[in-house]
Amino acid sequence: MNARNSNHPKGLRTRLIRVYSLVTILFMIAMYVASYAIFRTNIVTNNETVMEETTSQLSNIYNTYFEGVVNVSSNIETKLEEEDHLDEQELSVYFELAQSMKSEIEDISLYSTAGNLVVSSSKTDDGEDRSGEEWFLEAANNPLINIFSSIENDNGLYIFTLSKYVAYGEKNHGILNFRLNFTKAIATLSDIDLGQGGHVVIYDKNYDTVYQSADLEEGELNIFKNVVFGTQNISLKGHDYFLSINTIDNTTWRLAVVSNIDYIANTTSMLLIIDLIISVIFFLITLWSIRTVSNQVTEPIYRLRLAMEEVSQKGYIDAREVKVEGTYEVEDLTRNYNNMIKRISSLMNQVVLEQNLKRKSELSVLQNQINPHFLYNTLDSIIYEINNNENETAQNMIIALSKLFRISLSKGKSIIPIRDEVEHVRNYLLIQKMRYREKFQYSINVTEDIMDYKVTKLILQPIVENAIVHGIKNNPDGGKIDIEGYKDNGFIIFTITDDGFGILESKIKQIYDSFHKVVETDGVGVNNVFQRIRLYYGEKADIKIESELDCGTKVFIYLPIDKVIKNEK
């Protein structure tokens, strides 16, 4: 025995006990995180309470504003009803007096049912007929309610109108119209801190915006519809907001206040930074102390882990034995690891041979799934043409079919030149074009520099078939299919493009998912091609799908050139 073995090594369990203090530190961190979360939640809750009270105050301000305006409207309406004979001069003075009592009133006007001005506090008459304007029509059609227009920005002033159907004089009716300045009411918003992205929205019963202090996010009005009334936490563009909705009395409007509680809560977290810094410093000091001890335990295990990672990356066939010294548990683990590597390496050599045979068998099965499908569809079309006395078309289809199957059989070869693969799909398209009676057009553009490369056969036709069946066949306007082939960045790339209906994103995801499921492939489409090119060219071979609804689909087939050349050899 050497000097090391003369002293019985201490067990791993004994050394790990020395780092028990680390658990205490982690516990302290967990307690800190929990305390921080509770504190932050309380602050957010308090902020929500403040914002709810602020919203209520803002609603009261607006309620008072509209209550005053509606009272003036009611008083004027009462006076108009009491007057048997209308004195325009007297009524003008009355309008001016009412306007002076409310600074928000810019103008009070009375119009006849024909839309002509009867009297106005501003004493100006432009002579225009107002009967076709929206406020006039709504007031005339809803004689029992006050009609409020949207709030418009007029050279920095926020203006809207209140309109009411009224009776005046002796059996006369008309429309009473108030032009109201909402600027001071809007100005109260500047004193409220709603946080980053916070804003105020006033909307009517149809959820059309009357006023908004900022642009609304997509779908925000739908959130208002779902909340209807009250408060709720919502999320907009990654930020948390507090939403409060109240009705504005005497109107059909509602007030929505959206405040950024995420922003407000984050600012309060600065109060906890000092505690966090202290905890981090204490943790680092403790961690440094423990690391000195733990290194003696973990270093041997780390070296053994690196050896295992190397095996994971390079494979078991070329794996080497490792020598790691440490505790008796580590040395025993290393010894068992080396024995395992020897056994696995032997078994892997045997598995590789078996997998090569299985790979060739699976490739043959996948290719054979396609030929019966070709034959069935084409013969069915030929029979149809013969029954309709289209003998020349049937003859051409038979000639194209014979060329197609000559290439498909390829004297039993699994790989064929790209030139033959292109000719194969060209014959297929010729058959389908005759079958569908010139319903679609096609083009094939494959660069000459890749024509002599050899690839596994029947990789283009299934994709083209999908393009016809799912993209063009049911389109009354027909369509076009474009096939391209070229070299780029170490790959031979084929693209099959159609201008058909397109594919849903969910369907594309299903296709991608099917690539990696270990199931038998009973179709002849994209999955079949993917499985065959992966069997033949490895993990670099791939299929990508790009599609836009009502615009078409583009399928990319990627074959690594180095694997193509290797398989040729």
Protein backbone atom coordinates (compact mmCIF):
# COMPACT_ATOMS: atom_id res chain seq x y z
CA MET A 1 0.00 0.00 0.00
CA ASN A 2 1.16 3.55 -0.71
CA ALA A 3 1.26 6.32 1.85
CA ARG A 4 -2.15 7.59 0.81
CA ASN A 5 -3.85 4.24 1.32
CA SER A 6 -2.16 3.71 4.69
CA ASN A 7 -4.42 6.41 6.11
CA HIS A 8 -8.07 5.55 5.82
CA PRO A 9 -9.65 8.42 3.83
CA LYS A 10 -12.42 10.32 5.49
CA GLY A 11 -15.89 9.66 4.16
CA LEU A 12 -17.71 12.10 1.89
CA ARG A 13 -20.57 12.31 4.36
CA THR A 14 -18.20 13.48 7.12
CA ARG A 15 -16.79 16.29 5.02
CA LEU A 16 -20.21 17.40 3.82
CA ILE A 17 -21.28 17.94 7.45
CA ARG A 18 -18.72 20.77 7.63
CA VAL A 19 -20.69 22.76 5.07
CA TYR A 20 -23.88 22.59 7.10
CA SER A 21 -23.53 26.32 7.72
CA LEU A 22 -24.33 26.86 4.06
CA VAL A 23 -27.84 25.60 4.72
CA THR A 24 -28.20 28.28 7.37
CA ILE A 25 -27.17 30.96 4.88
CA LEU A 26 -29.64 29.69 2.32
CA PHE A 27 -32.30 29.75 5.00
CA MET A 28 -31.44 33.39 5.74
CA ILE A 29 -31.75 34.22 2.04
CA ALA A 30 -35.11 32.45 1.85
CA MET A 31 -36.34 34.40 4.88
CA TYR A 32 -35.15 37.63 3.29
CA VAL A 33 -36.91 36.85 0.00
CA ALA A 34 -40.12 35.96 1.82
CA SER A 35 -39.98 39.14 3.92
CA TYR A 36 -39.27 41.20 0.83
CA ALA A 37 -42.20 39.65 -1.03
CA ILE A 38 -44.58 40.34 1.88
CA PHE A 39 -43.33 43.90 2.23
CA ARG A 40 -43.64 44.53 -1.48
CA THR A 41 -47.16 43.10 -1.53
CA ASN A 42 -48.20 45.38 1.31
CA ILE A 43 -46.83 48.42 -0.50
CA VAL A 44 -48.63 47.47 -3.72
CA THR A 45 -51.86 46.97 -1.74
CA ASN A 46 -51.46 50.37 -0.07
CA ASN A 47 -50.82 51.98 -3.44
CA GLU A 48 -53.94 50.35 -4.85
CA THR A 49 -55.95 51.78 -1.93
CA VAL A 50 -54.53 55.25 -2.55
CA MET A 51 -55.25 55.02 -6.27
CA GLU A 52 -58.81 53.81 -5.57
CA GLU A 53 -59.38 56.83 -3.33
CA THR A 54 -57.81 59.12 -5.93
CA THR A 55 -60.10 57.69 -8.60
CA SER A 56 -63.10 58.23 -6.33
CA GLN A 57 -62.08 61.87 -5.76
CA LEU A 58 -61.63 62.38 -9.49
CA SER A 59 -65.07 60.89 -10.11
CA ASN A 60 -66.57 63.25 -7.52
CA ILE A 61 -64.96 66.22 -9.28
CA TYR A 62 -66.44 65.17 -12.60
CA ASN A 63 -69.80 64.35 -11.01
CA THR A 64 -69.93 67.84 -9.49
CA TYR A 65 -68.99 69.36 -12.84
CA PHE A 66 -71.72 67.56 -14.77
CA GLU A 67 -74.27 68.03 -11.99
CA GLY A 68 -73.80 71.81 -12.23
CA VAL A 69 -74.10 71.78 -16.01
CA VAL A 70 -77.19 69.58 -15.95
CA ASN A 71 -78.81 71.82 -13.29
CA VAL A 72 -78.29 74.87 -15.48
CA SER A 73 -79.79 72.93 -18.40
CA SER A 74 -82.80 71.92 -16.32
CA ASN A 75 -83.38 75.48 -15.10
CA ILE A 76 -83.30 76.83 -18.64
CA GLU A 77 -85.60 74.05 -19.82
CA THR A 78 -88.06 74.90 -17.02
CA LYS A 79 -88.02 78.58 -17.95
CA LEU A 80 -88.61 77.78 -21.61
CA GLU A 81 -91.60 75.60 -20.72
CA GLU A 82 -93.09 78.37 -18.51
CA GLU A 83 -92.86 81.06 -21.19
CA ASP A 84 -96.01 81.23 -23.30
CA HIS A 85 -94.54 83.80 -25.62
CA LEU A 86 -90.86 83.79 -26.46
CA ASP A 87 -89.06 87.12 -26.04
CA GLU A 88 -85.74 86.54 -27.78
CA GLN A 89 -84.10 89.59 -26.20
CA GLU A 90 -85.15 88.56 -22.71
CA LEU A 91 -84.12 84.95 -23.30
CA SER A 92 -80.71 86.06 -24.62
CA VAL A 93 -80.12 88.00 -21.42
CA TYR A 94 -81.17 84.96 -19.41
CA PHE A 95 -78.74 82.79 -21.36
CA GLU A 96 -75.93 85.27 -20.72
CA LEU A 97 -76.74 85.29 -17.00
CA ALA A 98 -76.71 81.45 -16.87
CA GLN A 99 -73.43 81.41 -18.76
CA SER A 100 -71.84 83.85 -16.34
CA MET A 101 -72.80 81.60 -13.42
CA LYS A 102 -70.81 78.69 -14.84
CA SER A 103 -67.36 79.49 -16.21
CA GLU A 104 -67.34 76.14 -17.99
CA ILE A 105 -70.17 77.24 -20.31
CA GLU A 106 -68.82 78.76 -23.53
CA ASP A 107 -72.16 79.28 -25.24
CA ILE A 108 -75.88 78.51 -24.85
CA SER A 109 -78.01 78.29 -28.01
CA LEU A 110 -81.57 77.36 -28.84
CA TYR A 111 -82.36 75.94 -32.29
CA SER A 112 -85.70 75.27 -33.90
CA THR A 113 -86.62 71.77 -35.04
CA ALA A 114 -85.71 72.93 -38.53
CA GLY A 115 -82.12 73.49 -37.37
CA ASN A 116 -82.16 77.30 -37.40
CA LEU A 117 -80.79 79.39 -34.52
CA VAL A 118 -83.52 80.97 -32.38
CA VAL A 119 -81.40 82.67 -29.72
CA SER A 120 -77.81 82.41 -28.44
CA SER A 121 -75.84 83.84 -25.52
CA SER A 122 -73.04 84.72 -27.93
CA LYS A 123 -75.49 86.75 -30.09
CA THR A 124 -73.88 85.42 -33.26
CA ASP A 125 -75.69 83.59 -36.03
CA ASP A 126 -73.76 82.09 -38.93
CA GLY A 127 -77.04 81.16 -40.59
CA GLU A 128 -76.11 77.47 -40.97
CA ASP A 129 -78.68 74.70 -40.75
CA ARG A 130 -77.76 72.43 -37.80
CA SER A 131 -80.48 69.84 -38.34
CA GLY A 132 -78.09 67.39 -39.99
CA GLU A 133 -75.43 67.44 -37.28
CA GLU A 134 -75.02 64.39 -35.04
CA TRP A 135 -75.75 66.15 -31.72
CA PHE A 136 -78.93 67.65 -33.16
CA LEU A 137 -80.20 64.34 -34.53
CA GLU A 138 -79.45 62.42 -31.31
CA ALA A 139 -81.22 65.03 -29.17
CA ALA A 140 -84.23 65.03 -31.52
CA ASN A 141 -84.43 61.23 -31.44
CA ASN A 142 -84.00 60.99 -27.65
CA PRO A 143 -86.20 63.77 -26.20
CA LEU A 144 -86.02 62.54 -22.60
CA ILE A 145 -82.25 62.46 -22.03
CA ASN A 146 -79.23 64.75 -22.16
CA ILE A 147 -76.98 64.10 -25.15
CA PHE A 148 -73.24 64.58 -24.63
CA SER A 149 -70.81 64.74 -27.56
CA SER A 150 -67.22 63.50 -27.54
CA ILE A 151 -64.58 65.79 -26.06
CA GLU A 152 -62.60 67.53 -28.81
CA ASN A 153 -59.30 69.41 -28.60
CA ASP A 154 -59.89 72.91 -30.01
CA ASN A 155 -56.57 74.82 -30.03
CA GLY A 156 -55.61 73.51 -26.60
CA LEU A 157 -59.13 73.71 -25.16
CA TYR A 158 -61.13 70.55 -24.47
CA ILE A 159 -64.66 71.27 -25.73
CA PHE A 160 -67.85 69.19 -25.84
CA THR A 161 -71.55 69.88 -26.13
CA LEU A 162 -74.71 69.03 -24.15
CA SER A 163 -77.91 68.92 -26.20
CA LYS A 164 -81.53 68.51 -25.04
CA TYR A 165 -84.88 68.40 -26.82
CA VAL A 166 -87.10 71.12 -25.21
CA ALA A 167 -90.44 72.87 -25.59
CA TYR A 168 -90.58 76.68 -25.74
CA GLY A 169 -93.10 79.40 -26.48
CA GLU A 170 -96.53 78.35 -27.53
CA LYS A 171 -96.42 74.80 -28.85
CA ASN A 172 -92.86 75.17 -30.16
CA HIS A 173 -90.09 72.63 -29.84
CA GLY A 174 -86.39 72.82 -30.44
CA ILE A 175 -82.92 71.76 -29.41
CA LEU A 176 -81.11 73.44 -26.50
CA ASN A 177 -77.32 73.25 -27.00
CA PHE A 178 -74.56 74.03 -24.50
CA ARG A 179 -70.95 74.44 -25.64
CA LEU A 180 -68.89 73.39 -22.60
CA ASN A 181 -65.22 73.86 -21.71
CA PHE A 182 -63.81 70.70 -20.07
CA THR A 183 -60.23 72.04 -19.88
CA LYS A 184 -60.17 72.72 -16.11
CA ALA A 185 -61.59 69.29 -15.36
CA ILE A 186 -58.93 67.71 -17.56
CA ALA A 187 -56.26 69.80 -15.82
CA THR A 188 -56.96 68.02 -12.54
CA LEU A 189 -55.29 64.95 -14.07
CA SER A 190 -51.90 66.69 -14.08
CA ASP A 191 -51.86 66.61 -10.27
CA ILE A 192 -52.28 62.82 -10.22
CA ASP A 193 -49.23 60.55 -10.58
CA LEU A 194 -50.49 57.44 -12.36
CA GLY A 195 -46.98 56.08 -13.00
CA GLN A 196 -45.33 55.18 -16.27
CA GLY A 197 -48.01 54.43 -18.87
CA GLY A 198 -50.86 55.42 -16.53
CA HIS A 199 -53.78 57.18 -18.18
CA VAL A 200 -57.45 58.17 -17.94
CA VAL A 201 -60.22 57.16 -20.34
CA ILE A 202 -63.79 58.42 -20.54
CA TYR A 203 -66.09 56.31 -22.72
CA ASP A 204 -69.80 56.05 -23.45
CA LYS A 205 -72.29 53.19 -23.15
CA ASN A 206 -71.21 51.86 -26.55
CA TYR A 207 -67.58 51.78 -25.38
CA ASP A 208 -66.62 54.54 -27.80
CA THR A 209 -63.95 56.77 -26.29
CA VAL A 210 -65.09 60.27 -25.37
CA TYR A 211 -61.70 61.33 -24.00
CA GLN A 212 -58.36 59.59 -23.49
CA SER A 213 -55.24 61.10 -21.97
CA ALA A 214 -52.97 58.70 -23.92
CA ASP A 215 -53.17 56.16 -26.73
CA LEU A 216 -54.91 52.95 -25.67
CA GLU A 217 -53.29 49.55 -25.93
CA GLU A 218 -54.85 46.99 -28.28
CA GLY A 219 -57.71 45.20 -26.56
CA GLU A 220 -57.85 47.64 -23.63
CA LEU A 221 -61.51 48.54 -24.25
CA ASN A 222 -62.35 44.82 -24.14
CA ILE A 223 -60.80 44.73 -20.66
CA PHE A 224 -63.11 47.60 -19.65
CA LYS A 225 -66.06 45.59 -20.97
CA ASN A 226 -65.10 42.59 -18.86
CA VAL A 227 -64.59 44.62 -15.67
CA VAL A 228 -67.75 46.73 -16.26
CA PHE A 229 -67.51 48.54 -12.90
CA GLY A 230 -65.16 48.51 -9.90
CA THR A 231 -61.45 47.71 -9.59
CA GLN A 232 -59.15 45.02 -10.93
CA ASN A 233 -55.45 44.36 -11.51
CA ILE A 234 -54.62 44.04 -15.21
CA SER A 235 -51.52 43.55 -17.36
CA LEU A 236 -50.60 45.69 -20.38
CA LYS A 237 -47.34 45.22 -22.32
CA GLY A 238 -45.54 43.49 -19.48
CA HIS A 239 -46.53 46.00 -16.78
CA ASP A 240 -49.02 45.54 -13.96
CA TYR A 241 -51.73 48.18 -13.74
CA PHE A 242 -54.54 48.96 -11.32
CA LEU A 243 -57.82 49.65 -13.12
CA SER A 244 -60.68 51.52 -11.47
CA ILE A 245 -63.98 52.19 -13.29
CA ASN A 246 -66.74 54.52 -12.04
CA THR A 247 -69.82 56.00 -13.66
CA ILE A 248 -70.14 59.78 -14.13
CA ASP A 249 -73.49 60.91 -12.75
CA ASN A 250 -76.01 62.60 -15.03
CA THR A 251 -74.30 61.10 -18.10
CA THR A 252 -74.01 57.75 -19.87
CA TRP A 253 -70.23 58.04 -19.54
CA ARG A 254 -67.83 56.00 -17.45
CA LEU A 255 -64.44 57.01 -16.09
CA ALA A 256 -61.57 54.47 -16.23
CA VAL A 257 -58.33 55.29 -14.40
CA VAL A 258 -55.34 53.05 -15.23
CA SER A 259 -52.36 53.46 -12.85
CA ASN A 260 -49.02 51.64 -13.08
CA ILE A 261 -48.66 49.78 -9.77
CA ASP A 262 -45.72 47.82 -11.14
CA TYR A 263 -43.78 51.04 -11.61
CA ILE A 264 -44.88 52.40 -8.20
CA ALA A 265 -44.04 49.15 -6.42
CA ASN A 266 -40.63 48.92 -8.09
CA THR A 267 -39.69 52.39 -6.87
CA THR A 268 -40.41 51.32 -3.30
CA SER A 269 -38.03 48.36 -3.63
CA MET A 270 -35.13 50.81 -3.36
CA LEU A 271 -35.85 50.88 0.37
CA LEU A 272 -34.75 47.26 0.58
CA ILE A 273 -31.52 47.54 -1.42
CA ILE A 274 -29.39 48.29 1.66
CA ASP A 275 -30.66 45.14 3.38
CA LEU A 276 -29.95 43.17 0.24
CA ILE A 277 -26.38 44.46 0.00
CA ILE A 278 -25.68 43.52 3.63
CA SER A 279 -27.10 40.03 3.07
CA VAL A 280 -25.03 39.54 -0.10
CA ILE A 281 -21.79 40.62 1.65
CA PHE A 282 -22.43 38.25 4.54
CA PHE A 283 -23.27 35.45 2.10
CA LEU A 284 -20.05 35.98 0.10
CA ILE A 285 -17.88 35.91 3.22
CA THR A 286 -19.50 32.68 4.39
CA LEU A 287 -19.31 31.18 0.92
CA TRP A 288 -15.57 31.92 0.71
CA SER A 289 -14.99 30.22 4.07
CA ILE A 290 -16.91 27.12 3.09
CA ARG A 291 -15.38 26.86 -0.37
CA THR A 292 -11.93 26.17 1.07
CA VAL A 293 -13.31 23.07 2.80
CA SER A 294 -15.71 21.97 0.08
CA ASN A 295 -13.06 22.03 -2.65
CA GLN A 296 -11.31 19.10 -0.99
CA VAL A 297 -14.54 17.14 -1.36
CA THR A 298 -15.91 18.33 -4.67
CA GLU A 299 -12.75 18.58 -6.80
CA PRO A 300 -12.40 14.79 -7.34
CA ILE A 301 -16.10 14.52 -8.15
CA TYR A 302 -15.75 17.45 -10.56
CA ARG A 303 -12.93 15.71 -12.47
CA LEU A 304 -15.02 12.56 -12.70
CA ARG A 305 -17.97 14.62 -13.98
CA LEU A 306 -15.79 16.15 -16.69
CA ALA A 307 -14.83 12.65 -17.81
CA MET A 308 -18.50 11.72 -18.00
CA GLU A 309 -19.31 14.87 -20.03
CA GLU A 310 -16.52 14.02 -22.46
CA VAL A 311 -18.07 10.60 -22.95
CA SER A 312 -21.49 12.22 -23.44
CA GLN A 313 -20.09 14.46 -26.19
CA LYS A 314 -17.72 12.05 -27.96
CA GLY A 315 -19.56 8.78 -27.42
CA TYR A 316 -18.76 5.56 -25.61
CA ILE A 317 -16.80 3.90 -28.41
CA ASP A 318 -13.67 6.04 -27.95
CA ALA A 319 -14.09 6.58 -24.20
CA ARG A 320 -10.98 6.36 -22.06
CA GLU A 321 -10.50 5.22 -18.49
CA VAL A 322 -9.96 7.93 -15.89
CA LYS A 323 -7.94 8.08 -12.68
CA VAL A 324 -9.36 10.19 -9.86
CA GLU A 325 -8.11 10.23 -6.28
CA GLY A 326 -10.24 11.31 -3.35
CA THR A 327 -12.39 9.80 -0.66
CA TYR A 328 -12.94 6.06 -0.71
CA GLU A 329 -16.47 6.67 -2.06
CA VAL A 330 -15.04 8.61 -5.02
CA GLU A 331 -12.34 6.04 -5.73
CA ASP A 332 -14.91 3.24 -5.64
CA LEU A 333 -17.17 5.22 -7.98
CA THR A 334 -14.26 5.77 -10.38
CA ARG A 335 -13.44 2.08 -10.44
CA ASN A 336 -17.04 1.15 -11.23
CA TYR A 337 -17.20 3.90 -13.86
CA ASN A 338 -14.15 2.51 -15.69
CA ASN A 339 -15.63 -1.00 -15.68
CA MET A 340 -18.90 0.37 -17.04
CA ILE A 341 -17.10 2.24 -19.84
CA LYS A 342 -15.34 -0.93 -20.95
CA ARG A 343 -18.60 -2.85 -21.08
CA ILE A 344 -20.54 -0.08 -22.86
CA SER A 345 -17.80 0.43 -25.46
CA SER A 346 -17.99 -3.24 -26.35
CA LEU A 347 -21.77 -3.15 -26.60
CA MET A 348 -21.75 0.09 -28.62
CA ASN A 349 -19.60 -1.43 -31.35
CA GLN A 350 -22.18 -4.15 -31.69
CA VAL A 351 -25.08 -1.66 -31.64
CA VAL A 352 -23.50 0.46 -34.39
CA LEU A 353 -23.41 -2.49 -36.73
CA GLU A 354 -27.02 -3.36 -35.95
CA GLN A 355 -28.16 0.25 -36.37
CA ASN A 356 -26.57 0.55 -39.81
CA LEU A 357 -28.55 -2.48 -40.96
CA LYS A 358 -31.74 -1.10 -39.37
CA ARG A 359 -31.14 2.32 -40.97
CA LYS A 360 -30.99 0.86 -44.45
CA SER A 361 -34.09 -1.21 -43.78
CA GLU A 362 -36.08 1.81 -42.47
CA LEU A 363 -35.03 3.93 -45.45
CA SER A 364 -36.27 1.29 -47.85
CA VAL A 365 -39.61 1.04 -46.01
CA LEU A 366 -40.12 4.81 -46.03
CA GLN A 367 -39.40 5.05 -49.76
CA ASN A 368 -41.71 2.17 -50.57
CA GLN A 369 -44.59 3.96 -48.83
CA ILE A 370 -44.68 6.50 -51.65
CA ASN A 371 -44.85 4.38 -54.82
CA PRO A 372 -48.31 2.79 -54.26
CA HIS A 373 -49.74 6.23 -53.57
CA PHE A 374 -48.37 7.54 -56.89
CA LEU A 375 -49.69 4.61 -58.81
CA TYR A 376 -53.20 4.75 -57.35
CA ASN A 377 -53.77 8.45 -58.04
CA THR A 378 -52.28 8.39 -61.53
CA LEU A 379 -54.09 5.24 -62.71
CA ASP A 380 -57.32 6.67 -61.39
CA SER A 381 -56.77 9.77 -63.53
CA ILE A 382 -55.87 7.70 -66.59
CA ILE A 383 -59.09 5.68 -66.25
CA TYR A 384 -61.04 8.92 -66.00
CA GLU A 385 -59.48 10.25 -69.22
CA ILE A 386 -60.16 7.00 -71.08
CA ASN A 387 -63.79 6.98 -69.94
CA ASN A 388 -64.12 10.49 -71.34
CA ASN A 389 -62.48 9.49 -74.67
CA GLU A 390 -59.46 11.68 -73.95
CA ASN A 391 -57.14 9.02 -75.35
CA GLU A 392 -54.31 11.36 -76.26
CA THR A 393 -54.23 12.81 -72.76
CA ALA A 394 -54.35 9.30 -71.29
CA GLN A 395 -51.46 8.27 -73.57
CA ASN A 396 -49.35 11.24 -72.47
CA MET A 397 -50.08 10.46 -68.84
CA ILE A 398 -49.02 6.82 -69.33
CA ILE A 399 -45.76 7.96 -70.95
CA ALA A 400 -45.09 10.37 -68.08
CA LEU A 401 -45.99 7.63 -65.58
CA SER A 402 -43.53 5.20 -67.15
CA LYS A 403 -40.74 7.80 -66.97
CA LEU A 404 -41.69 8.57 -63.39
CA PHE A 405 -41.53 4.93 -62.31
CA ARG A 406 -38.32 4.33 -64.21
CA ILE A 407 -36.68 6.94 -62.02
CA SER A 408 -38.55 5.75 -58.91
CA LEU A 409 -37.22 2.20 -59.35
CA SER A 410 -33.70 3.36 -60.29
CA LYS A 411 -32.58 -0.28 -60.58
CA GLY A 412 -33.01 -0.70 -56.83
CA LYS A 413 -30.73 2.22 -55.93
CA SER A 414 -31.57 4.34 -52.87
CA ILE A 415 -29.73 7.42 -54.09
CA ILE A 416 -29.97 9.04 -57.50
CA PRO A 417 -28.53 12.18 -59.16
CA ILE A 418 -30.42 15.40 -58.49
CA ARG A 419 -30.89 15.58 -62.26
CA ASP A 420 -33.03 12.41 -62.10
CA GLU A 421 -34.87 13.64 -58.99
CA VAL A 422 -35.77 16.86 -60.85
CA GLU A 423 -36.89 14.87 -63.90
CA HIS A 424 -39.00 12.69 -61.62
CA VAL A 425 -40.88 15.64 -60.12
CA ARG A 426 -41.21 17.23 -63.56
CA ASN A 427 -43.04 14.09 -64.83
CA TYR A 428 -45.18 14.10 -61.70
CA LEU A 429 -46.20 17.73 -62.26
CA LEU A 430 -46.92 16.99 -65.92
CA ILE A 431 -49.28 14.18 -64.90
CA GLN A 432 -51.02 16.33 -62.30
CA LYS A 433 -51.35 19.27 -64.65
CA MET A 434 -53.09 17.03 -67.19
CA ARG A 435 -55.18 15.51 -64.44
CA TYR A 436 -56.40 18.87 -63.18
CA ARG A 437 -56.72 20.20 -66.74
CA GLU A 438 -54.25 23.08 -66.67
CA LYS A 439 -55.58 24.32 -63.33
CA PHE A 440 -52.11 25.33 -62.16
CA GLN A 441 -48.76 26.41 -63.56
CA TYR A 442 -45.32 25.38 -62.40
CA SER A 443 -41.67 26.26 -62.85
CA ILE A 444 -38.47 24.36 -61.99
CA ASN A 445 -35.21 26.24 -61.54
CA VAL A 446 -32.36 24.10 -60.25
CA THR A 447 -28.80 25.36 -60.71
CA GLU A 448 -26.55 23.25 -62.93
CA ASP A 449 -23.77 23.06 -60.32
CA ILE A 450 -25.82 20.68 -58.11
CA MET A 451 -27.36 18.48 -60.83
CA ASP A 452 -24.72 15.75 -60.52
CA TYR A 453 -24.88 15.41 -56.74
CA LYS A 454 -26.63 12.25 -55.63
CA VAL A 455 -29.41 12.37 -53.04
CA THR A 456 -31.91 9.95 -51.57
CA LYS A 457 -34.71 9.70 -54.08
CA LEU A 458 -38.32 10.91 -53.86
CA ILE A 459 -37.79 13.94 -51.60
CA LEU A 460 -39.43 16.59 -53.82
CA GLN A 461 -42.56 14.84 -55.09
CA PRO A 462 -44.30 14.36 -51.68
CA ILE A 463 -43.89 18.07 -50.86
CA VAL A 464 -45.19 19.04 -54.34
CA GLU A 465 -48.14 16.69 -53.85
CA ASN A 466 -49.02 18.45 -50.58
CA ALA A 467 -48.85 21.81 -52.35
CA ILE A 468 -51.32 20.61 -55.00
CA VAL A 469 -53.75 18.79 -52.71
CA HIS A 470 -53.83 21.26 -49.81
CA GLY A 471 -52.85 24.53 -51.47
CA ILE A 472 -54.18 24.61 -55.04
CA LYS A 473 -56.60 21.75 -55.73
CA ASN A 474 -59.65 23.41 -54.11
CA ASN A 475 -58.78 26.93 -55.24
CA PRO A 476 -61.17 27.95 -58.05
CA ASP A 477 -58.55 30.39 -59.36
CA GLY A 478 -55.87 27.74 -59.68
CA GLY A 479 -52.32 28.60 -58.67
CA LYS A 480 -48.64 28.20 -59.30
CA ILE A 481 -45.87 26.00 -57.90
CA ASP A 482 -42.21 27.06 -58.07
CA ILE A 483 -39.35 24.62 -57.38
CA GLU A 484 -35.82 25.86 -56.84
CA GLY A 485 -32.53 24.15 -55.97
CA TYR A 486 -29.14 25.68 -55.18
CA LYS A 487 -26.06 25.58 -52.93
CA ASP A 488 -25.71 27.94 -49.99
CA ASN A 489 -23.54 28.01 -46.87
CA GLY A 490 -22.60 24.32 -46.94
CA PHE A 491 -26.07 23.04 -47.81
CA ILE A 492 -27.96 21.91 -50.87
CA ILE A 493 -31.28 23.69 -50.51
CA PHE A 494 -34.54 22.90 -52.27
CA THR A 495 -37.58 25.21 -52.00
CA ILE A 496 -41.13 24.34 -53.02
CA THR A 497 -43.39 27.42 -53.13
CA ASP A 498 -47.12 27.63 -53.82
CA ASP A 499 -49.56 30.54 -53.79
CA GLY A 500 -52.41 28.54 -52.27
CA PHE A 501 -54.43 28.90 -49.08
CA GLY A 502 -51.49 28.72 -46.65
CA ILE A 503 -51.17 26.73 -43.41
CA LEU A 504 -52.27 27.69 -39.90
CA GLU A 505 -49.44 28.19 -37.38
CA SER A 506 -50.99 25.54 -35.14
CA LYS A 507 -50.87 23.05 -38.04
CA ILE A 508 -47.21 23.88 -38.76
CA LYS A 509 -46.44 23.22 -35.10
CA GLN A 510 -48.21 19.85 -35.33
CA ILE A 511 -46.07 18.98 -38.37
CA TYR A 512 -42.87 19.94 -36.52
CA ASP A 513 -43.98 17.94 -33.46
CA SER A 514 -44.59 14.87 -35.63
CA PHE A 515 -40.96 15.01 -36.82
CA HIS A 516 -39.72 14.04 -33.38
CA LYS A 517 -42.35 11.53 -32.27
CA VAL A 518 -41.35 7.91 -32.37
CA VAL A 519 -44.33 6.65 -34.35
CA GLU A 520 -44.80 4.78 -37.58
CA THR A 521 -45.29 7.12 -40.53
CA ASP A 522 -48.26 6.04 -42.62
CA GLY A 523 -48.44 9.23 -44.72
CA VAL A 524 -46.53 10.29 -47.78
CA GLY A 525 -45.99 13.94 -46.98
CA VAL A 526 -43.56 16.17 -45.13
CA ASN A 527 -43.04 13.76 -42.23
CA ASN A 528 -42.00 10.97 -44.60
CA VAL A 529 -39.41 13.16 -46.32
CA PHE A 530 -38.09 14.44 -42.97
CA GLN A 531 -37.63 10.94 -41.56
CA ARG A 532 -35.78 9.79 -44.70
CA ILE A 533 -33.35 12.73 -44.92
CA ARG A 534 -32.63 12.45 -41.20
CA LEU A 535 -31.88 8.73 -41.61
CA TYR A 536 -29.58 9.43 -44.54
CA TYR A 537 -27.94 12.77 -43.70
CA GLY A 538 -28.06 13.05 -39.92
CA GLU A 539 -29.14 15.85 -37.56
CA LYS A 540 -28.08 18.70 -39.86
CA ALA A 541 -30.66 17.73 -42.47
CA ASP A 542 -33.86 19.62 -41.87
CA ILE A 543 -37.19 20.87 -43.24
CA LYS A 544 -38.55 24.35 -42.53
CA ILE A 545 -42.02 25.68 -43.38
CA GLU A 546 -42.99 29.31 -43.94
CA SER A 547 -46.64 30.13 -44.62
CA GLU A 548 -49.05 33.06 -44.71
CA LEU A 549 -52.79 32.51 -44.92
CA ASP A 550 -54.30 33.35 -48.32
CA CYS A 551 -50.79 34.02 -49.67
CA GLY A 552 -49.17 30.60 -49.89
CA THR A 553 -46.58 28.26 -48.40
CA LYS A 554 -42.84 27.78 -48.86
CA VAL A 555 -41.09 24.58 -47.78
CA PHE A 556 -37.29 24.45 -47.42
CA ILE A 557 -35.32 21.16 -47.58
CA TYR A 558 -31.75 21.39 -46.23
CA LEU A 559 -29.19 18.68 -47.10
CA PRO A 560 -25.63 19.13 -45.73
CA ILE A 561 -23.19 18.92 -48.66
CA ASP A 562 -20.53 17.08 -46.64
CA LYS A 563 -23.03 14.30 -45.83
CA VAL A 564 -24.20 14.17 -49.46
CA ILE A 565 -20.64 13.69 -50.68
CA LYS A 566 -19.92 11.13 -47.96
CA ASN A 567 -22.97 9.09 -48.88
CA GLU A 568 -22.03 9.23 -52.57
CA LYS A 569 -18.68 7.69 -51.74
